[in-house]
Amino acid sequence: MKIHCSCDDDVACATLQNLCKMMCDGMCSCCCTMNGMTMCQCNMAMAMCKCEYTADGVCVTCTSGDKDCCAMIQACCDCMCACMEAGCTCCLCFNNSPVCCGTC
């Protein structure tokens, strides 16, 4: 699963990249909300997540070598995509601290 976070502003982009660099070794989770209510929350405890810089932000990749864990990662990805396609906002967190929020 790949999660792309991007910023239009150079200062915001650098801040996002530095924040992710400091926190990316911790627990990764995503929370989809609509009208202030949580629709879906996925904790990626079953995955190895790494953060890479992109030209305009970061890309977080979550993977696993275990077949069952891969199935859970895919199910989380499908759920979050469905939520965002329906109009939810997704918030990416490391150690329960939000680092990136947005929509599709």
N, C-alpha and C. Protein backbone atom coordinates (compact mmCIF):
# COMPACT_ATOMS: atom_id res chain seq x y z
N MET A 1 0.85 -1.17 0.00
CA MET A 1 0.00 0.00 0.00
C MET A 1 0.89 1.22 0.00
N LYS A 2 0.54 2.20 -0.83
CA LYS A 2 1.28 3.46 -0.89
C LYS A 2 0.33 4.60 -0.56
N ILE A 3 0.79 5.47 0.31
CA ILE A 3 0.04 6.65 0.70
C ILE A 3 0.88 7.85 0.29
N HIS A 4 0.31 8.69 -0.57
CA HIS A 4 1.02 9.88 -1.04
C HIS A 4 0.48 11.11 -0.34
N CYS A 5 1.37 11.89 0.26
CA CYS A 5 1.02 13.17 0.87
C CYS A 5 1.81 14.24 0.12
N SER A 6 1.10 15.26 -0.35
CA SER A 6 1.79 16.31 -1.10
C SER A 6 1.32 17.69 -0.64
N CYS A 7 2.18 18.68 -0.89
CA CYS A 7 1.91 20.07 -0.53
C CYS A 7 2.23 20.96 -1.71
N ASP A 8 1.45 22.01 -1.90
CA ASP A 8 1.72 22.98 -2.96
C ASP A 8 2.79 23.99 -2.54
N ASP A 9 2.88 24.24 -1.25
CA ASP A 9 3.79 25.25 -0.70
C ASP A 9 5.12 24.60 -0.33
N ASP A 10 6.23 25.23 -0.72
CA ASP A 10 7.57 24.68 -0.45
C ASP A 10 7.87 24.56 1.04
N VAL A 11 7.47 25.55 1.83
CA VAL A 11 7.72 25.52 3.27
C VAL A 11 6.92 24.41 3.93
N ALA A 12 5.65 24.28 3.54
CA ALA A 12 4.81 23.20 4.09
C ALA A 12 5.36 21.84 3.69
N CYS A 13 5.86 21.72 2.47
CA CYS A 13 6.43 20.46 2.00
C CYS A 13 7.66 20.08 2.83
N ALA A 14 8.54 21.03 3.06
CA ALA A 14 9.74 20.77 3.87
C ALA A 14 9.36 20.40 5.30
N THR A 15 8.34 21.05 5.85
CA THR A 15 7.87 20.75 7.20
C THR A 15 7.31 19.33 7.26
N LEU A 16 6.50 18.95 6.26
CA LEU A 16 5.95 17.60 6.19
C LEU A 16 7.06 16.57 6.11
N GLN A 17 8.05 16.81 5.26
CA GLN A 17 9.15 15.86 5.10
C GLN A 17 9.95 15.72 6.39
N ASN A 18 10.23 16.82 7.07
CA ASN A 18 10.97 16.76 8.34
C ASN A 18 10.17 16.05 9.42
N LEU A 19 8.88 16.32 9.49
CA LEU A 19 8.02 15.67 10.47
C LEU A 19 7.99 14.16 10.25
N CYS A 20 7.83 13.76 9.00
CA CYS A 20 7.81 12.33 8.69
C CYS A 20 9.16 11.68 8.98
N LYS A 21 10.24 12.39 8.67
CA LYS A 21 11.58 11.85 8.93
C LYS A 21 11.77 11.57 10.42
N MET A 22 11.27 12.47 11.26
CA MET A 22 11.43 12.32 12.72
C MET A 22 10.54 11.23 13.28
N MET A 23 9.35 11.02 12.70
CA MET A 23 8.36 10.16 13.33
C MET A 23 8.09 8.84 12.61
N CYS A 24 8.65 8.63 11.42
CA CYS A 24 8.23 7.51 10.60
C CYS A 24 8.61 6.13 11.16
N ASP A 25 9.48 6.06 12.12
CA ASP A 25 9.84 4.76 12.70
C ASP A 25 8.80 4.25 13.68
N GLY A 26 7.81 5.06 13.99
CA GLY A 26 6.77 4.65 14.94
C GLY A 26 5.58 4.01 14.26
N MET A 27 4.57 3.75 15.04
CA MET A 27 3.34 3.12 14.57
C MET A 27 2.64 4.00 13.54
N CYS A 28 2.28 3.45 12.41
CA CYS A 28 1.58 4.17 11.35
C CYS A 28 0.10 3.80 11.39
N SER A 29 -0.76 4.81 11.26
CA SER A 29 -2.20 4.57 11.20
C SER A 29 -2.85 5.62 10.31
N CYS A 30 -4.04 5.29 9.84
CA CYS A 30 -4.82 6.20 9.01
C CYS A 30 -6.23 6.25 9.54
N CYS A 31 -6.80 7.44 9.55
CA CYS A 31 -8.16 7.62 10.03
C CYS A 31 -8.95 8.40 8.98
N CYS A 32 -10.06 7.82 8.52
CA CYS A 32 -10.94 8.50 7.56
C CYS A 32 -12.14 9.05 8.30
N THR A 33 -12.41 10.34 8.09
CA THR A 33 -13.54 10.99 8.78
C THR A 33 -14.45 11.67 7.77
N MET A 34 -15.71 11.79 8.17
CA MET A 34 -16.68 12.56 7.38
C MET A 34 -17.55 13.32 8.37
N ASN A 35 -17.64 14.62 8.18
CA ASN A 35 -18.41 15.49 9.06
C ASN A 35 -18.02 15.31 10.53
N GLY A 36 -16.73 15.14 10.77
CA GLY A 36 -16.22 15.02 12.14
C GLY A 36 -16.36 13.65 12.77
N MET A 37 -16.95 12.70 12.06
CA MET A 37 -17.13 11.34 12.60
C MET A 37 -16.14 10.38 11.95
N THR A 38 -15.54 9.50 12.75
CA THR A 38 -14.62 8.50 12.21
C THR A 38 -15.41 7.44 11.47
N MET A 39 -15.05 7.24 10.21
CA MET A 39 -15.69 6.23 9.37
C MET A 39 -14.86 4.95 9.33
N CYS A 40 -13.54 5.11 9.39
CA CYS A 40 -12.62 3.98 9.28
C CYS A 40 -11.30 4.36 9.93
N GLN A 41 -10.74 3.46 10.70
CA GLN A 41 -9.40 3.68 11.25
C GLN A 41 -8.60 2.40 11.05
N CYS A 42 -7.47 2.53 10.40
CA CYS A 42 -6.61 1.38 10.13
C CYS A 42 -5.28 1.58 10.82
N ASN A 43 -4.94 0.67 11.71
CA ASN A 43 -3.64 0.67 12.37
C ASN A 43 -2.77 -0.35 11.65
N MET A 44 -1.65 0.10 11.15
CA MET A 44 -0.81 -0.74 10.31
C MET A 44 0.23 -1.53 11.13
N ALA A 45 -0.22 -2.11 12.24
CA ALA A 45 0.68 -2.88 13.11
C ALA A 45 1.20 -4.12 12.39
N MET A 46 0.47 -4.60 11.38
CA MET A 46 0.86 -5.80 10.67
C MET A 46 1.84 -5.53 9.54
N ALA A 47 2.22 -4.26 9.37
CA ALA A 47 3.03 -3.87 8.22
C ALA A 47 4.34 -3.21 8.62
N MET A 48 5.27 -3.29 7.71
CA MET A 48 6.50 -2.50 7.80
C MET A 48 6.26 -1.27 6.95
N CYS A 49 6.30 -0.10 7.56
CA CYS A 49 6.02 1.13 6.83
C CYS A 49 7.29 1.96 6.73
N LYS A 50 7.56 2.46 5.53
CA LYS A 50 8.72 3.33 5.34
C LYS A 50 8.27 4.58 4.61
N CYS A 51 8.97 5.65 4.87
CA CYS A 51 8.63 6.96 4.33
C CYS A 51 9.74 7.42 3.41
N GLU A 52 9.36 7.82 2.19
CA GLU A 52 10.33 8.33 1.22
C GLU A 52 9.89 9.71 0.77
N TYR A 53 10.86 10.58 0.53
CA TYR A 53 10.56 11.91 0.04
C TYR A 53 10.17 11.85 -1.43
N THR A 54 9.23 12.72 -1.81
CA THR A 54 8.91 12.95 -3.21
C THR A 54 9.18 14.42 -3.49
N ALA A 55 9.03 14.83 -4.73
CA ALA A 55 9.31 16.22 -5.10
C ALA A 55 8.41 17.19 -4.35
N ASP A 56 7.17 16.75 -4.05
CA ASP A 56 6.22 17.66 -3.41
C ASP A 56 5.67 17.14 -2.09
N GLY A 57 6.38 16.21 -1.44
CA GLY A 57 5.92 15.68 -0.16
C GLY A 57 6.58 14.37 0.21
N VAL A 58 5.75 13.39 0.57
CA VAL A 58 6.26 12.07 0.98
C VAL A 58 5.38 10.97 0.40
N CYS A 59 5.95 9.78 0.35
CA CYS A 59 5.21 8.58 0.00
C CYS A 59 5.49 7.55 1.10
N VAL A 60 4.44 7.08 1.75
CA VAL A 60 4.58 6.07 2.80
C VAL A 60 4.17 4.73 2.19
N THR A 61 5.07 3.76 2.27
CA THR A 61 4.81 2.43 1.71
C THR A 61 4.71 1.44 2.86
N CYS A 62 3.61 0.68 2.89
CA CYS A 62 3.39 -0.32 3.93
C CYS A 62 3.33 -1.70 3.28
N THR A 63 4.22 -2.60 3.73
CA THR A 63 4.32 -3.93 3.13
C THR A 63 4.47 -5.00 4.21
N SER A 64 4.31 -6.25 3.79
CA SER A 64 4.56 -7.37 4.68
C SER A 64 4.93 -8.58 3.83
N GLY A 65 5.74 -9.46 4.38
CA GLY A 65 6.09 -10.71 3.71
C GLY A 65 5.13 -11.84 4.05
N ASP A 66 4.23 -11.59 4.98
CA ASP A 66 3.28 -12.60 5.41
C ASP A 66 1.99 -12.50 4.59
N LYS A 67 1.50 -13.61 4.06
CA LYS A 67 0.32 -13.63 3.20
C LYS A 67 -0.92 -13.06 3.90
N ASP A 68 -1.15 -13.47 5.14
CA ASP A 68 -2.32 -12.99 5.87
C ASP A 68 -2.22 -11.51 6.20
N CYS A 69 -1.03 -11.06 6.54
CA CYS A 69 -0.84 -9.62 6.81
C CYS A 69 -1.04 -8.81 5.54
N CYS A 70 -0.59 -9.34 4.40
CA CYS A 70 -0.81 -8.66 3.12
C CYS A 70 -2.29 -8.52 2.83
N ALA A 71 -3.06 -9.55 3.15
CA ALA A 71 -4.51 -9.49 2.95
C ALA A 71 -5.13 -8.41 3.83
N MET A 72 -4.66 -8.27 5.07
CA MET A 72 -5.17 -7.22 5.95
C MET A 72 -4.79 -5.84 5.43
N ILE A 73 -3.57 -5.68 4.95
CA ILE A 73 -3.12 -4.40 4.39
C ILE A 73 -3.99 -4.04 3.20
N GLN A 74 -4.26 -5.01 2.32
CA GLN A 74 -5.09 -4.75 1.15
C GLN A 74 -6.51 -4.37 1.55
N ALA A 75 -7.05 -5.04 2.56
CA ALA A 75 -8.40 -4.73 3.04
C ALA A 75 -8.46 -3.30 3.61
N CYS A 76 -7.44 -2.91 4.35
CA CYS A 76 -7.38 -1.54 4.88
C CYS A 76 -7.31 -0.54 3.74
N CYS A 77 -6.48 -0.83 2.75
CA CYS A 77 -6.33 0.05 1.60
C CYS A 77 -7.66 0.20 0.86
N ASP A 78 -8.35 -0.91 0.62
CA ASP A 78 -9.64 -0.88 -0.07
C ASP A 78 -10.66 -0.05 0.71
N CYS A 79 -10.69 -0.23 2.03
CA CYS A 79 -11.63 0.50 2.87
C CYS A 79 -11.35 2.00 2.84
N MET A 80 -10.08 2.37 2.98
CA MET A 80 -9.72 3.79 2.96
C MET A 80 -10.00 4.42 1.61
N CYS A 81 -9.74 3.70 0.52
CA CYS A 81 -10.02 4.23 -0.82
C CYS A 81 -11.52 4.45 -1.00
N ALA A 82 -12.33 3.49 -0.55
CA ALA A 82 -13.78 3.64 -0.65
C ALA A 82 -14.27 4.84 0.16
N CYS A 83 -13.72 5.02 1.34
CA CYS A 83 -14.11 6.16 2.18
C CYS A 83 -13.75 7.48 1.50
N MET A 84 -12.55 7.56 0.96
CA MET A 84 -12.11 8.81 0.33
C MET A 84 -12.88 9.09 -0.95
N GLU A 85 -13.22 8.05 -1.72
CA GLU A 85 -14.03 8.24 -2.92
C GLU A 85 -15.43 8.74 -2.57
N ALA A 86 -15.90 8.41 -1.37
CA ALA A 86 -17.22 8.85 -0.92
C ALA A 86 -17.18 10.24 -0.28
N GLY A 87 -15.98 10.84 -0.18
CA GLY A 87 -15.89 12.21 0.33
C GLY A 87 -15.23 12.35 1.69
N CYS A 88 -14.70 11.28 2.23
CA CYS A 88 -14.03 11.36 3.54
C CYS A 88 -12.68 12.06 3.42
N THR A 89 -12.22 12.56 4.54
CA THR A 89 -10.88 13.10 4.67
C THR A 89 -10.04 12.05 5.39
N CYS A 90 -8.82 11.84 4.91
CA CYS A 90 -7.93 10.85 5.52
C CYS A 90 -6.81 11.57 6.27
N CYS A 91 -6.50 11.08 7.45
CA CYS A 91 -5.42 11.64 8.25
C CYS A 91 -4.39 10.55 8.51
N LEU A 92 -3.16 10.78 8.07
CA LEU A 92 -2.06 9.85 8.29
C LEU A 92 -1.37 10.21 9.60
N CYS A 93 -1.18 9.23 10.46
CA CYS A 93 -0.55 9.46 11.77
C CYS A 93 0.64 8.56 11.98
N PHE A 94 1.62 9.07 12.70
CA PHE A 94 2.71 8.26 13.24
C PHE A 94 2.66 8.42 14.75
N ASN A 95 2.61 7.32 15.47
CA ASN A 95 2.50 7.34 16.93
C ASN A 95 1.32 8.19 17.39
N ASN A 96 0.21 8.07 16.70
CA ASN A 96 -1.04 8.80 16.99
C ASN A 96 -0.93 10.31 16.82
N SER A 97 0.13 10.79 16.21
CA SER A 97 0.28 12.21 15.92
C SER A 97 0.03 12.43 14.43
N PRO A 98 -0.95 13.26 14.09
CA PRO A 98 -1.24 13.49 12.67
C PRO A 98 -0.08 14.20 11.96
N VAL A 99 0.26 13.71 10.78
CA VAL A 99 1.33 14.34 10.01
C VAL A 99 0.83 14.82 8.65
N CYS A 100 -0.28 14.29 8.17
CA CYS A 100 -0.78 14.66 6.86
C CYS A 100 -2.27 14.38 6.80
N CYS A 101 -3.05 15.33 6.33
CA CYS A 101 -4.49 15.14 6.17
C CYS A 101 -4.89 15.64 4.79
N GLY A 102 -5.87 14.97 4.19
CA GLY A 102 -6.34 15.42 2.90
C GLY A 102 -7.40 14.51 2.31
N THR A 103 -7.71 14.79 1.05
CA THR A 103 -8.71 14.03 0.32
C THR A 103 -8.09 13.55 -0.99
N CYS A 104 -8.85 12.75 -1.73
CA CYS A 104 -8.38 12.29 -3.04
C CYS A 104 -8.31 13.45 -4.00
